[in-house]
Structure formats: structure tokens, C-alpha cells
C-alpha atoms as a PDB file:
ATOM      1  CA  MET A   1      72.801  91.370 108.257  1.00  0.00           C
ATOM      2  CA  ALA A   2      76.360  92.030 107.104  1.00  0.00           C
ATOM      3  CA  THR A   3      77.662  95.671 106.749  1.00  0.00           C
ATOM      4  CA  ARG A   4      79.973  96.834 104.079  1.00  0.00           C
ATOM      5  CA  LEU A   5      82.769  99.047 105.107  1.00  0.00           C
ATOM      6  CA  PHE A   6      84.995 101.479 102.717  1.00  0.00           C
ATOM      7  CA  VAL A   7      88.794 101.401 103.958  1.00  0.00           C
ATOM      8  CA  GLY A   8      90.905 104.065 102.518  1.00  0.00           C
ATOM      9  CA  ASN A   9      94.418 105.809 102.406  1.00  0.00           C
ATOM     10  CA  LEU A  10      95.992 102.203 102.243  1.00  0.00           C
ATOM     11  CA  SER A  11      99.377 101.760 101.199  1.00  0.00           C
ATOM     12  CA  PHE A  12     100.151 100.228  98.021  1.00  0.00           C
ATOM     13  CA  ASN A  13     102.072  97.842  99.564  1.00  0.00           C
ATOM     14  CA  THR A  14      99.065  96.489 101.743  1.00  0.00           C
ATOM     15  CA  THR A  15      97.417  93.019 100.776  1.00  0.00           C
ATOM     16  CA  GLU A  16      93.967  91.613 101.339  1.00  0.00           C
ATOM     17  CA  GLY A  17      95.605  89.318 104.076  1.00  0.00           C
ATOM     18  CA  ASP A  18      96.847  92.421 105.972  1.00  0.00           C
ATOM     19  CA  LEU A  19      93.390  93.860 105.948  1.00  0.00           C
ATOM     20  CA  LEU A  20      91.789  90.431 106.765  1.00  0.00           C
ATOM     21  CA  ASP A  21      94.184  89.785 109.758  1.00  0.00           C
ATOM     22  CA  LEU A  22      93.632  93.628 110.894  1.00  0.00           C
ATOM     23  CA  PHE A  23      89.685  93.635 110.691  1.00  0.00           C
ATOM     24  CA  LYS A  24      89.546  90.051 112.275  1.00  0.00           C
ATOM     25  CA  GLN A  25      90.455  91.911 115.644  1.00  0.00           C
ATOM     26  CA  ALA A  26      87.093  93.732 115.510  1.00  0.00           C
ATOM     27  CA  GLY A  27      85.040  90.601 114.770  1.00  0.00           C
ATOM     28  CA  ASN A  28      83.982  88.211 111.948  1.00  0.00           C
ATOM     29  CA  VAL A  29      84.988  89.290 108.237  1.00  0.00           C
ATOM     30  CA  THR A  30      82.617  88.121 105.532  1.00  0.00           C
ATOM     31  CA  THR A  31      84.456  89.475 102.565  1.00  0.00           C
ATOM     32  CA  CYS A  32      87.783  91.544 102.000  1.00  0.00           C
ATOM     33  CA  ASN A  33      88.328  92.997  98.497  1.00  0.00           C
ATOM     34  CA  LEU A  34      91.337  95.171  97.836  1.00  0.00           C
ATOM     35  CA  ILE A  35      90.677  97.351  94.665  1.00  0.00           C
ATOM     36  CA  VAL A  36      93.492  96.805  92.110  1.00  0.00           C
ATOM     37  CA  ASP A  37      93.845  98.481  88.670  1.00  0.00           C
ATOM     38  CA  LYS A  38      92.735  95.935  85.934  1.00  0.00           C
ATOM     39  CA  PHE A  39      95.766  96.958  83.725  1.00  0.00           C
ATOM     40  CA  THR A  40      98.348  96.980  86.115  1.00  0.00           C
ATOM     41  CA  ASN A  41      97.004  94.705  88.885  1.00  0.00           C
ATOM     42  CA  LYS A  42      98.295  97.061  91.567  1.00  0.00           C
ATOM     43  CA  SER A  43      96.423  98.342  94.582  1.00  0.00           C
ATOM     44  CA  ARG A  44      94.565 101.367  94.034  1.00  0.00           C
ATOM     45  CA  GLY A  45      94.766 102.473  97.875  1.00  0.00           C
ATOM     46  CA  PHE A  46      91.158 101.316  98.988  1.00  0.00           C
ATOM     47  CA  ALA A  47      89.275  98.319  99.894  1.00  0.00           C
ATOM     48  CA  PHE A  48      85.777  97.100 100.836  1.00  0.00           C
ATOM     49  CA  VAL A  49      85.523  95.016 104.082  1.00  0.00           C
ATOM     50  CA  GLU A  50      82.300  93.189 105.110  1.00  0.00           C
ATOM     51  CA  MET A  51      81.635  92.616 108.737  1.00  0.00           C
ATOM     52  CA  SER A  52      78.918  90.009 109.577  1.00  0.00           C
ATOM     53  CA  SER A  53      76.904  92.282 111.736  1.00  0.00           C
ATOM     54  CA  GLN A  54      76.158  96.290 112.413  1.00  0.00           C
ATOM     55  CA  GLU A  55      77.813  95.927 115.798  1.00  0.00           C
ATOM     56  CA  GLU A  56      81.146  94.593 114.408  1.00  0.00           C
ATOM     57  CA  ALA A  57      81.033  97.146 111.791  1.00  0.00           C
ATOM     58  CA  THR A  58      80.499  99.706 114.268  1.00  0.00           C
ATOM     59  CA  LYS A  59      83.465  98.443 116.309  1.00  0.00           C
ATOM     60  CA  ALA A  60      85.885  97.980 113.260  1.00  0.00           C
ATOM     61  CA  ILE A  61      85.129 101.719 112.428  1.00  0.00           C
ATOM     62  CA  GLY A  62      85.865 102.794 115.965  1.00  0.00           C
ATOM     63  CA  ASP A  63      88.912 100.711 116.454  1.00  0.00           C
ATOM     64  CA  MET A  64      90.689 100.977 112.779  1.00  0.00           C
ATOM     65  CA  ASN A  65      89.544 104.592 111.643  1.00  0.00           C
ATOM     66  CA  GLY A  66      92.678 106.675 111.896  1.00  0.00           C
ATOM     67  CA  LYS A  67      95.000 103.471 112.844  1.00  0.00           C
ATOM     68  CA  GLU A  68      98.231 103.231 111.270  1.00  0.00           C
ATOM     69  CA  LEU A  69      99.067 100.269 108.755  1.00  0.00           C
ATOM     70  CA  ASP A  70     102.124 100.218 106.563  1.00  0.00           C
ATOM     71  CA  GLY A  71     102.948 103.819 107.618  1.00  0.00           C
ATOM     72  CA  ARG A  72      99.524 105.184 106.396  1.00  0.00           C
ATOM     73  CA  ALA A  73      96.777 106.484 108.615  1.00  0.00           C
ATOM     74  CA  LEU A  74      93.469 104.418 107.458  1.00  0.00           C
ATOM     75  CA  THR A  75      90.236 105.960 106.726  1.00  0.00           C
ATOM     76  CA  VAL A  76      87.456 103.721 107.864  1.00  0.00           C
ATOM     77  CA  ASN A  77      83.651 104.229 107.125  1.00  0.00           C
ATOM     78  CA  GLU A  78      80.651 102.759 106.304  1.00  0.00           C
ATOM     79  CA  ALA A  79      80.388 102.232 102.382  1.00  0.00           C
ATOM     80  CA  LYS A  80      77.890 104.321 100.321  1.00  0.00           C
ATOM     81  CA  PRO A  81      75.767 102.458  98.048  1.00  0.00           C
ATOM     82  CA  ARG A  82      77.208 102.385  94.641  1.00  0.00           C
ATOM     83  CA  GLU A  83      75.650 104.925  92.218  1.00  0.00           C
ATOM     84  CA  ASP A  84      74.436 104.030  89.011  1.00  0.00           C
ATOM     85  CA  ARG A  85      76.237 105.521  86.208  1.00  0.00           C
ATOM     86  CA  PRO A  86      75.281 106.011  82.525  1.00  0.00           C
ATOM     87  CA  SER A  87      76.821 103.361  80.237  1.00  0.00           C
ATOM     88  CA  GLY A  88      78.482 105.761  77.606  1.00  0.00           C
ATOM     89  CA  GLY A  89      81.693 103.800  76.908  1.00  0.00           C
ATOM     90  CA  GLY A  90      83.675 106.639  78.443  1.00  0.00           C
ATOM     91  CA  PHE A  91      85.022 108.170  75.167  1.00  0.00           C
ATOM     92  CA  GLY A  92      84.051 111.667  75.791  1.00  0.00           C
ATOM     93  CA  GLY A  93      81.491 113.815  74.472  1.00  0.00           C
ATOM     94  CA  GLY A  94      81.330 113.603  70.799  1.00  0.00           C
ATOM     95  CA  ARG A  95      80.373 116.417  68.279  1.00  0.00           C
ATOM     96  CA  SER A  96      77.117 116.285  66.507  1.00  0.00           C
ATOM     97  CA  GLY A  97      77.003 117.217  62.741  1.00  0.00           C
ATOM     98  CA  GLY A  98      79.884 118.633  60.563  1.00  0.00           C
ATOM     99  CA  GLY A  99      82.151 116.547  58.661  1.00  0.00           C
ATOM    100  CA  GLY A 100      86.100 116.647  58.703  1.00  0.00           C
ATOM    101  CA  GLY A 101      86.595 117.961  55.144  1.00  0.00           C
ATOM    102  CA  ARG A 102      87.673 121.500  54.163  1.00  0.00           C
ATOM    103  CA  ARG A 103      85.474 124.341  54.857  1.00  0.00           C
ATOM    104  CA  GLU A 104      84.172 126.459  51.752  1.00  0.00           C
ATOM    105  CA  GLU A 105      83.362 130.099  52.698  1.00  0.00           C
ATOM    106  CA  SER A 106      80.959 131.609  50.670  1.00  0.00           C
ATOM    107  CA  ARG A 107      81.866 134.752  48.547  1.00  0.00           C
ATOM    108  CA  SER A 108      79.741 136.861  46.876  1.00  0.00           C
ATOM    109  CA  ARG A 109      80.821 137.983  43.214  1.00  0.00           C
ATOM    110  CA  TYR A 110      79.560 141.062  41.529  1.00  0.00           C
END
């Protein structure tokens, strides 16, 4: 069974090819996904690498965690399962009730 690894603290100059070449030293790499910003298409500084077995993943963590690549010390560990997030659209918490008009103050008249 394949094991997914989180690779962090990447230089913004590191490519998927660089990661693939590095992790092939530890074993068979199933997939390599460098995470990029969807607007700028530039690296976000982390990636996910999937190794074909738990033994290879353990070897990769031992060999690559703290190893320097493009001037940065890599952080490599087993990836945590993705958490379910509520699908709210990301536009902040709205306000309920109340309009945007002028507020009338109540005044008592004698």
C-alpha cells in the first residue's frame, strides 16, 4: 500500500523533477505533487510525495528529513488525512438582520 508524505520548507525554486529525483534515492515514487498557487502558478513551498510501500516511506523520512535542497532544510513526515472543511465559500461571516439604511432614533415628544 502506498504511503503519502508531506514535504515542507521547500524553496520556491524547487521543481517536481527535483523532488522526484531526490525521493527516488529512497525507493519507488508513485506520485509527486508540488503544490502551486492557483492564481500565480508559483510554488507554495510544500509538496506531497507518495512512496509505493511503508518501508520506502520510512526510509525516505529518515533520509530526507532535515536534508538540504536548494538552500533549505526539508521537513518530511507522513501526511495526515485531509480534514473535511465546511463549504462556506470563504467570504467571511455575514451579519444577520438589519438593513443598510439610516437609523431612526425614537424620540419622545411632550
